[in-house]
Protein backbone atom coordinates (compact mmCIF):
# COMPACT_ATOMS: atom_id res chain seq x y z
CA MET A 1 117.87 111.78 102.92
CA ALA A 2 116.28 112.81 99.63
CA LEU A 3 117.12 116.34 98.52
CA PHE A 4 115.01 116.89 95.41
CA GLY A 5 111.25 117.15 95.67
CA THR A 6 108.62 117.92 93.07
CA ASP A 7 110.24 121.26 92.25
CA GLY A 8 113.93 121.17 93.06
CA VAL A 9 115.52 121.34 96.51
CA ARG A 10 113.44 123.37 98.94
CA GLY A 11 113.38 124.06 102.67
CA VAL A 12 114.00 126.60 105.40
CA ALA A 13 116.98 128.74 104.43
CA GLY A 14 119.91 128.43 106.82
CA GLU A 15 118.47 125.27 108.40
CA PHE A 16 117.83 122.75 105.65
CA LEU A 17 118.99 124.77 102.67
CA THR A 18 122.33 126.01 103.99
CA ALA A 19 125.14 127.81 102.17
CA GLU A 20 127.13 124.57 102.38
CA LEU A 21 124.36 122.60 100.68
CA ALA A 22 123.97 125.26 97.98
CA THR A 23 127.72 125.11 97.29
CA ALA A 24 127.59 121.33 97.06
CA LEU A 25 124.60 121.45 94.71
CA GLY A 26 126.32 123.99 92.47
CA SER A 27 129.46 121.90 92.29
CA ALA A 28 127.60 118.65 91.61
CA ALA A 29 125.33 120.13 88.95
CA THR A 30 128.27 121.72 87.18
CA SER A 31 130.26 118.49 87.24
CA ILE A 32 127.56 116.65 85.27
CA SER A 33 127.12 119.51 82.79
CA PRO A 34 128.68 118.92 79.34
CA GLY A 35 130.25 122.34 78.73
CA GLU A 36 134.01 122.98 78.61
CA PRO A 37 133.86 124.92 80.85
CA PRO A 38 130.16 124.84 81.77
CA GLN A 39 128.43 128.22 81.53
CA VAL A 40 125.86 128.44 84.33
CA LEU A 41 123.23 131.17 84.62
CA ILE A 42 122.10 131.89 88.20
CA VAL A 43 119.01 133.99 89.00
CA ARG A 44 116.95 134.46 92.15
CA ASP A 45 113.81 135.95 93.60
CA THR A 46 113.65 138.65 96.29
CA ARG A 47 114.00 136.66 99.54
CA GLU A 48 116.51 137.88 102.08
CA SER A 49 118.38 134.55 101.86
CA GLY A 50 118.66 134.80 98.08
CA GLU A 51 121.95 136.68 97.94
CA MET A 52 123.62 134.27 100.37
CA LEU A 53 122.48 131.20 98.45
CA GLU A 54 123.29 132.83 95.11
CA ALA A 55 126.86 133.43 96.29
CA ALA A 56 127.18 129.91 97.69
CA LEU A 57 125.77 128.37 94.53
CA ALA A 58 128.17 130.42 92.40
CA ALA A 59 131.07 129.28 94.59
CA GLY A 60 130.07 125.69 93.97
CA VAL A 61 129.87 126.26 90.21
CA SER A 62 133.30 127.86 90.07
CA SER A 63 134.83 125.23 92.38
CA ALA A 64 133.87 122.63 89.78
CA GLY A 65 135.52 124.63 87.00
CA GLY A 66 132.34 126.29 85.72
CA HIS A 67 131.66 129.91 84.92
CA ALA A 68 128.85 131.29 87.09
CA LEU A 69 126.94 134.17 85.49
CA LEU A 70 124.81 136.12 87.95
CA GLY A 71 121.61 137.44 86.35
CA GLY A 72 120.16 138.93 89.54
CA VAL A 73 116.43 139.01 90.27
CA LEU A 74 114.52 137.40 87.42
CA PRO A 75 111.31 135.36 87.12
CA THR A 76 111.91 131.62 86.87
CA PRO A 77 110.70 131.44 83.23
CA GLY A 78 113.35 134.02 82.37
CA ALA A 79 116.03 131.49 83.28
CA SER A 80 114.35 128.83 81.14
CA LEU A 81 114.14 131.22 78.21
CA LEU A 82 117.58 132.82 78.47
CA VAL A 83 119.58 129.64 79.00
CA ARG A 84 118.55 128.76 75.45
CA ARG A 85 118.89 132.28 74.09
CA TYR A 86 122.44 132.66 75.42
CA GLY A 87 123.46 129.08 74.63
CA PHE A 88 124.41 128.33 78.24
CA ASP A 89 124.85 124.80 79.59
CA LEU A 90 122.79 125.13 82.76
CA ALA A 91 120.56 127.55 84.65
CA ALA A 92 119.89 127.59 88.38
CA VAL A 93 117.02 129.45 90.03
CA VAL A 94 117.20 130.35 93.73
CA SER A 95 113.54 130.54 94.76
CA ALA A 96 110.86 128.84 96.82
CA SER A 97 108.06 130.01 94.52
CA HIS A 98 104.87 130.72 96.51
CA ASN A 99 106.34 129.66 99.89
CA PRO A 100 106.91 132.19 102.72
CA TYR A 101 110.16 134.14 102.86
CA GLN A 102 111.79 131.83 105.42
CA ASP A 103 111.96 129.09 102.78
CA ASN A 104 114.16 129.03 99.74
CA GLY A 105 115.01 126.55 97.03
CA ILE A 106 117.24 125.71 94.11
CA LYS A 107 116.03 124.25 90.82
CA PHE A 108 118.03 123.56 87.69
CA PHE A 109 117.25 123.90 83.99
CA GLY A 110 119.18 122.21 81.20
CA PRO A 111 120.41 123.84 77.97
CA ASP A 112 117.03 123.19 76.31
CA GLY A 113 115.26 125.29 78.95
CA THR A 114 113.50 122.37 80.66
CA LYS A 115 113.96 121.23 84.24
CA LEU A 116 116.52 118.49 84.69
CA ALA A 117 115.30 114.93 84.37
CA ASP A 118 114.86 112.76 87.46
CA ALA A 119 117.96 110.76 86.57
CA GLN A 120 120.07 113.93 86.43
CA GLU A 121 118.72 115.11 89.78
CA ASP A 122 119.48 111.68 91.23
CA GLU A 123 123.08 111.94 89.99
CA ILE A 124 123.47 115.43 91.51
CA GLU A 125 122.09 114.11 94.79
CA ARG A 126 124.49 111.16 94.74
CA LEU A 127 127.48 113.44 94.22
CA VAL A 128 126.35 115.74 97.04
CA HIS A 129 126.02 112.83 99.47
CA GLU A 130 129.43 111.47 98.44
CA HIS A 131 131.00 114.89 99.07
CA ARG A 132 132.76 114.84 95.73
CA THR A 133 135.18 117.74 95.21
CA SER A 134 137.14 119.02 92.24
CA PRO A 135 140.46 120.85 92.05
CA ALA A 136 139.22 122.98 89.16
CA ILE A 137 138.79 126.73 89.40
CA GLY A 138 136.20 128.66 87.44
CA ARG A 139 134.91 132.20 87.40
CA VAL A 140 132.05 134.25 88.83
CA ARG A 141 130.82 137.38 87.08
CA GLU A 142 127.69 139.45 86.74
CA LEU A 143 125.51 139.06 83.67
CA HIS A 144 124.14 142.51 82.97
CA GLY A 145 120.84 143.00 81.16
CA ALA A 146 119.23 139.61 81.83
CA GLU A 147 115.92 141.15 82.89
CA ALA A 148 115.91 143.52 79.91
CA ASP A 149 116.54 140.59 77.57
CA TYR A 150 113.65 138.66 79.12
CA VAL A 151 111.29 141.62 78.68
CA ARG A 152 112.41 141.99 75.05
CA GLU A 153 111.54 138.32 74.46
CA LEU A 154 108.07 138.97 75.86
CA GLU A 155 107.74 142.02 73.64
CA GLY A 156 108.83 140.00 70.63
CA ARG A 157 106.07 137.47 71.28
CA PHE A 158 103.28 139.91 72.25
CA GLY A 159 104.33 143.05 70.40
CA ASP A 160 101.09 143.11 68.40
CA LEU A 161 98.98 143.18 71.55
CA ASP A 162 97.63 146.71 72.05
CA LEU A 163 96.60 147.33 75.65
CA SER A 164 95.86 151.02 75.19
CA GLY A 165 92.80 152.04 77.17
CA ARG A 166 92.96 148.97 79.43
CA ARG A 167 93.13 149.62 83.16
CA ILE A 168 94.98 146.61 84.57
CA LEU A 169 95.98 145.74 88.13
CA LEU A 170 99.14 143.69 88.66
CA ASP A 171 99.92 142.04 92.00
CA CYS A 172 103.60 141.09 91.85
CA ALA A 173 103.77 139.41 95.28
CA ASN A 174 106.85 141.50 96.15
CA GLY A 175 108.67 138.91 94.13
CA ALA A 176 110.63 138.34 90.96
CA THR A 177 108.10 139.97 88.61
CA HIS A 178 108.03 143.32 90.42
CA ARG A 179 109.96 145.11 87.65
CA ALA A 180 109.63 142.89 84.58
CA ALA A 181 105.83 142.49 84.54
CA PRO A 182 105.01 146.21 84.87
CA ASP A 183 107.67 146.97 82.25
CA ILE A 184 106.17 144.79 79.51
CA PHE A 185 102.57 145.81 80.29
CA ARG A 186 103.54 149.48 80.04
CA ARG A 187 105.36 148.88 76.76
CA LEU A 188 102.14 147.43 75.37
CA GLY A 189 100.20 150.53 76.43
CA ALA A 190 98.38 149.41 79.57
CA ASP A 191 97.30 151.85 82.26
CA LEU A 192 98.53 150.12 85.42
CA GLU A 193 97.69 149.94 89.08
CA LEU A 194 100.41 148.05 90.95
CA VAL A 195 100.31 146.04 94.16
CA ALA A 196 103.19 144.41 96.08
CA ILE A 197 106.10 145.83 94.06
CA GLU A 198 108.34 146.86 96.98
CA PRO A 199 110.23 143.73 98.07
CA ASP A 200 112.16 143.99 101.34
CA GLY A 201 113.41 140.41 101.53
CA ARG A 202 110.68 139.28 103.90
CA ASN A 203 107.40 140.37 102.32
CA ILE A 204 107.48 138.04 99.29
CA ASN A 205 104.07 136.33 98.97
CA HIS A 206 102.92 137.93 102.24
CA GLU A 207 99.16 138.47 101.91
CA SER A 208 99.74 139.08 98.21
CA GLY A 209 100.21 137.27 94.94
CA SER A 210 98.43 134.25 93.48
CA THR A 211 97.99 132.53 96.86
CA HIS A 212 96.04 135.55 98.16
CA VAL A 213 94.29 136.70 95.00
CA ALA A 214 90.91 136.99 96.73
CA GLY A 215 92.29 139.96 98.64
CA LEU A 216 92.15 142.01 95.44
CA ALA A 217 88.34 142.04 95.42
CA GLY A 218 88.19 145.29 97.38
CA ARG A 219 90.36 147.05 94.82
CA MET A 220 88.07 145.86 92.02
CA ALA A 221 84.94 147.15 93.72
CA GLY A 222 85.31 150.67 92.31
CA GLY A 223 84.70 149.36 88.80
CA ASP A 224 87.49 151.34 87.15
CA ILE A 225 89.84 148.35 86.76
CA ASP A 226 89.21 146.03 83.82
CA VAL A 227 91.15 142.99 85.02
CA ALA A 228 93.69 141.99 87.66
CA PHE A 229 96.52 139.47 87.48
CA ALA A 230 98.33 138.07 90.53
CA PHE A 231 101.70 136.35 90.16
CA ASP A 232 103.52 134.17 92.67
CA GLY A 233 106.92 134.90 94.15
CA ASP A 234 109.02 133.51 91.32
CA GLY A 235 106.62 134.48 88.54
CA ASP A 236 105.90 131.07 87.04
CA ARG A 237 102.17 131.12 87.80
CA VAL A 238 99.28 133.57 87.59
CA LEU A 239 95.64 133.82 88.60
CA ALA A 240 93.24 136.53 87.47
CA MET A 241 90.25 138.46 88.78
CA ASP A 242 87.55 139.99 86.61
CA ARG A 243 86.04 143.44 87.13
CA ALA A 244 83.22 141.89 89.18
CA GLY A 245 85.71 140.49 91.70
CA ALA A 246 85.47 136.83 90.62
CA VAL A 247 88.69 134.81 90.77
CA VAL A 248 89.61 133.19 87.46
CA ASP A 249 91.88 130.19 87.97
CA GLY A 250 94.29 128.40 85.68
CA ASP A 251 91.63 126.10 84.25
CA GLU A 252 89.56 128.98 82.90
CA LEU A 253 92.63 130.83 81.65
CA MET A 254 93.80 127.70 79.83
CA ALA A 255 90.39 127.15 78.27
CA LEU A 256 90.39 130.69 76.88
CA ALA A 257 93.92 130.33 75.58
CA ALA A 258 93.46 126.85 74.08
CA LEU A 259 90.53 127.95 71.91
CA HIS A 260 92.42 131.08 70.88
CA LEU A 261 95.64 129.25 70.03
CA ARG A 262 93.82 126.67 67.92
CA GLU A 263 92.04 129.43 66.04
CA ARG A 264 95.44 130.99 65.35
CA GLY A 265 96.93 127.66 64.22
CA ARG A 266 99.24 127.59 67.24
CA LEU A 267 97.95 124.50 69.03
CA PRO A 268 100.03 121.60 67.68
CA GLY A 269 98.14 118.33 67.65
CA ASP A 270 94.95 120.09 68.73
CA GLY A 271 95.74 118.90 72.24
CA VAL A 272 96.39 120.23 75.74
CA ALA A 273 97.94 118.59 78.82
CA VAL A 274 96.55 119.21 82.31
CA THR A 275 96.72 117.52 85.73
CA VAL A 276 94.24 115.42 87.66
CA MET A 277 93.17 118.57 89.54
CA THR A 278 91.78 120.28 86.43
CA ASN A 279 88.05 120.96 86.63
CA TYR A 280 85.67 118.54 84.93
CA GLY A 281 84.11 121.49 83.14
CA PHE A 282 87.39 122.05 81.29
CA HIS A 283 87.30 118.49 79.95
CA LYS A 284 83.70 118.88 78.79
CA ALA A 285 84.46 122.18 77.06
CA MET A 286 87.47 120.77 75.24
CA GLU A 287 85.47 117.71 74.20
CA VAL A 288 82.84 119.95 72.63
CA ALA A 289 85.57 121.97 70.89
CA GLY A 290 87.26 118.85 69.54
CA ILE A 291 90.48 119.42 71.50
CA GLU A 292 92.13 116.35 72.98
CA VAL A 293 93.06 116.47 76.67
CA ALA A 294 95.85 114.44 78.30
CA THR A 295 95.88 114.18 82.10
CA THR A 296 99.02 113.88 84.24
CA ARG A 297 100.01 113.80 87.88
CA VAL A 298 100.13 117.10 89.78
CA GLY A 299 103.21 119.13 88.90
CA ASP A 300 104.17 121.33 85.98
CA ARG A 301 107.15 119.10 85.17
CA HIS A 302 104.72 116.24 84.46
CA VAL A 303 102.62 118.49 82.24
CA LEU A 304 105.70 119.53 80.28
CA ALA A 305 106.89 115.94 79.92
CA GLU A 306 103.48 114.99 78.48
CA LEU A 307 103.58 117.89 76.03
CA LEU A 308 107.05 116.98 74.82
CA SER A 309 106.20 113.29 74.46
CA ARG A 310 103.12 114.07 72.35
CA GLY A 311 104.59 116.92 70.33
CA TRP A 312 102.05 119.32 71.80
CA ALA A 313 102.77 122.84 73.04
CA PHE A 314 100.14 123.98 75.55
CA GLY A 315 99.00 122.94 79.01
CA GLY A 316 99.17 123.69 82.68
CA GLU A 317 97.62 123.49 86.11
CA GLN A 318 94.60 124.86 87.92
CA SER A 319 97.02 126.68 90.23
CA GLY A 320 98.07 128.94 87.37
CA HIS A 321 101.18 127.23 86.01
CA ILE A 322 100.49 127.72 82.30
CA ILE A 323 102.99 126.49 79.72
CA ASP A 324 103.19 127.49 76.07
CA THR A 325 106.33 125.89 74.69
CA GLY A 326 105.95 128.06 71.61
CA PHE A 327 107.36 130.79 73.86
CA VAL A 328 109.18 129.05 76.72
CA PRO A 329 109.18 125.44 78.00
CA ALA A 330 108.16 126.46 81.53
CA GLY A 331 105.29 128.07 83.36
CA ASP A 332 105.38 131.84 82.81
CA GLY A 333 102.86 133.95 84.71
CA THR A 334 103.54 137.16 82.81
CA ALA A 335 103.30 135.46 79.41
CA ALA A 336 100.12 133.66 80.49
CA ALA A 337 98.52 136.96 81.53
CA LEU A 338 99.37 138.51 78.19
CA LEU A 339 98.11 135.41 76.38
CA THR A 340 94.81 135.76 78.26
CA LEU A 341 94.42 139.34 77.06
CA GLU A 342 95.37 138.30 73.52
CA ALA A 343 92.71 135.59 73.64
CA LEU A 344 90.08 138.02 74.91
CA GLY A 345 90.70 140.59 72.20
CA ASP A 346 88.11 143.33 72.67
CA ARG A 347 86.05 141.27 75.11
CA ASP A 348 85.98 141.67 78.87
CA LEU A 349 87.03 138.84 81.17
CA THR A 350 83.57 138.90 82.77
CA ASP A 351 82.18 137.75 79.41
CA ARG A 352 84.39 134.64 79.26
CA ASP A 353 82.54 131.60 77.96
CA ALA A 354 85.26 129.10 77.10
CA MET A 355 84.11 126.65 79.81
CA GLU A 356 81.47 126.19 82.46
CA LYS A 357 83.24 125.53 85.73
CA LEU A 358 81.65 122.89 87.93
CA PRO A 359 81.40 123.52 91.68
CA GLN A 360 84.47 122.00 93.30
CA LYS A 361 85.36 121.25 96.91
CA LEU A 362 88.79 120.15 98.12
CA VAL A 363 89.46 119.04 101.70
CA ASN A 364 92.83 117.95 103.09
CA VAL A 365 92.30 115.28 105.75
CA PRO A 366 95.15 114.67 108.24
CA VAL A 367 95.89 110.94 108.48
CA ARG A 368 98.21 108.63 110.39
CA ASP A 369 99.68 107.15 107.23
CA ARG A 370 99.00 108.59 103.77
CA ASP A 371 99.79 105.20 102.21
CA ALA A 372 97.02 103.49 104.20
CA LEU A 373 94.42 104.48 101.60
CA GLU A 374 95.74 101.78 99.30
CA HIS A 375 94.75 99.08 101.79
CA ALA A 376 91.43 100.55 103.01
CA ALA A 377 89.05 98.50 100.87
CA ASP A 378 85.87 100.02 102.34
CA VAL A 379 87.11 103.56 101.65
CA ARG A 380 88.07 102.70 98.09
CA GLU A 381 84.67 101.03 97.57
CA ALA A 382 82.88 104.17 98.77
CA ILE A 383 84.99 106.33 96.48
CA GLU A 384 84.12 104.13 93.53
CA GLY A 385 80.42 104.28 94.41
CA GLU A 386 80.42 108.08 94.52
CA HIS A 387 82.39 108.20 91.30
CA GLU A 388 79.87 105.98 89.51
CA ALA A 389 76.98 108.13 90.75
CA LEU A 390 78.64 111.21 89.21
CA GLU A 391 79.75 109.51 86.00
CA GLY A 392 79.26 111.90 83.08
CA ARG A 393 78.22 114.75 85.40
CA GLY A 394 81.20 115.28 87.67
CA ARG A 395 83.95 113.34 89.38
CA VAL A 396 85.65 112.27 92.59
CA LEU A 397 89.39 112.32 93.23
CA VAL A 398 90.84 111.02 96.48
CA ARG A 399 94.62 110.79 96.66
CA PRO A 400 97.43 110.90 99.21
CA SER A 401 99.65 113.97 99.38
CA GLY A 402 103.09 113.46 97.92
CA THR A 403 104.83 115.24 100.81
CA GLU A 404 102.53 115.44 103.86
CA PRO A 405 100.43 113.03 106.01
CA LEU A 406 97.25 114.08 104.24
CA ILE A 407 94.57 112.53 102.08
CA ARG A 408 93.18 115.04 99.58
CA VAL A 409 89.47 114.63 98.87
CA MET A 410 88.19 116.52 95.85
CA VAL A 411 84.67 116.44 94.44
CA GLU A 412 83.12 118.19 91.44
CA ALA A 413 79.39 118.04 90.78
CA PRO A 414 76.75 119.91 88.77
CA THR A 415 75.47 121.77 91.86
CA ALA A 416 77.18 123.15 94.94
CA ASP A 417 74.80 121.22 97.23
CA GLU A 418 75.56 117.87 95.63
CA CYS A 419 79.27 118.65 95.62
CA GLU A 420 79.17 119.51 99.32
CA ALA A 421 77.20 116.40 100.23
CA VAL A 422 79.44 113.96 98.37
CA CYS A 423 82.60 115.57 99.72
CA ASP A 424 81.30 115.58 103.31
CA ARG A 425 80.45 111.87 103.12
CA LEU A 426 83.90 110.93 101.86
CA VAL A 427 85.75 113.21 104.28
CA SER A 428 83.83 111.73 107.22
CA LEU A 429 84.70 108.21 106.10
CA VAL A 430 88.39 108.99 105.60
CA GLU A 431 88.54 110.69 109.02
CA ARG A 432 86.90 107.69 110.75
CA ARG A 433 89.04 105.06 109.06
CA LEU A 434 92.36 106.75 108.50
CA GLY A 435 92.34 110.00 110.48
CA SER A 436 95.21 110.97 112.76
């Protein structure tokens, strides 16, 4: 059975992701790490299973002769940043990101701050399945001040950003950003209203954070808040809301930031990397601005791989994973929020004009076999016909889910009516031919 998915090992804590599996993963990852002995940073989010899995993971590290350094609750990008800053050999994050509290996960970062390559994950998985053990004995100790060091790195990057007079709402999803994000915003002078900053182990992402950002509209209705930012449970993504209550997704945030970074001379190669889900309006805006766009599969690891291969520094996903390798080679929701405010300067988010977002509709269609799309010639012909009709004005994307028996149908068109009509036609066809 495969262990690693698109973002580490993830599943229901205590059922799939057991203490035994966490120990085995810690031991296997340490055994392929080059250090003598390997120094392994371990951080987690606020789930009730986090402490158990942290302890089990640390036991695995030490059983393979490594030194496990417990950094406590810290956003995922903090691990990516500090593994380089401290010169450690490996970092492990215990988190299931935006998933409900019952789930948890483990993902690993190498000494360069990037997620491990597929080949390294395959080797870890092989060692776990072979039940390899080691007679070595390492150490486990607390690493004090990890969160403070992460906040200082943010301050070092954004120290010139003056947020005095800005009334800002932060929704921390009762997750890993609940202390760090308010800390750096206050240091920069912001007047804060805070939501979901009291984690109890079970309320992470519950009706809060970037997966529930629309729920902030009521708080914006009074008109005294300038902008809101909502993070996910592990703090590697962010979405925003303007003072009028409109949700601003990752595409719009990236468009703002890309134009700003190029103006500042901080956009190497004048290029950005995004995924196939990024709105067509983003591509048109970047074309007008003379910024090259590379498109990857869904997943921030694919975006980062594209950036590194091209020597670029900036990219991300519509979901709010925004990467600026000039700061950290991982999605960082807090840094992305601050970058948005830096890009805006004295402007208000309601006045954003970096791109014109096309109406978009996405429908997940349950199917018997998600691979059947490849052999459904009539469906593929219909998709191609709709794509040709929208050429230069919008687009059609129909793809199987990577993990579920679903076909995802996405349409973007100049008007909401046309978008709805095209999407409805394709969804009906997929349901008739491939539906479960």
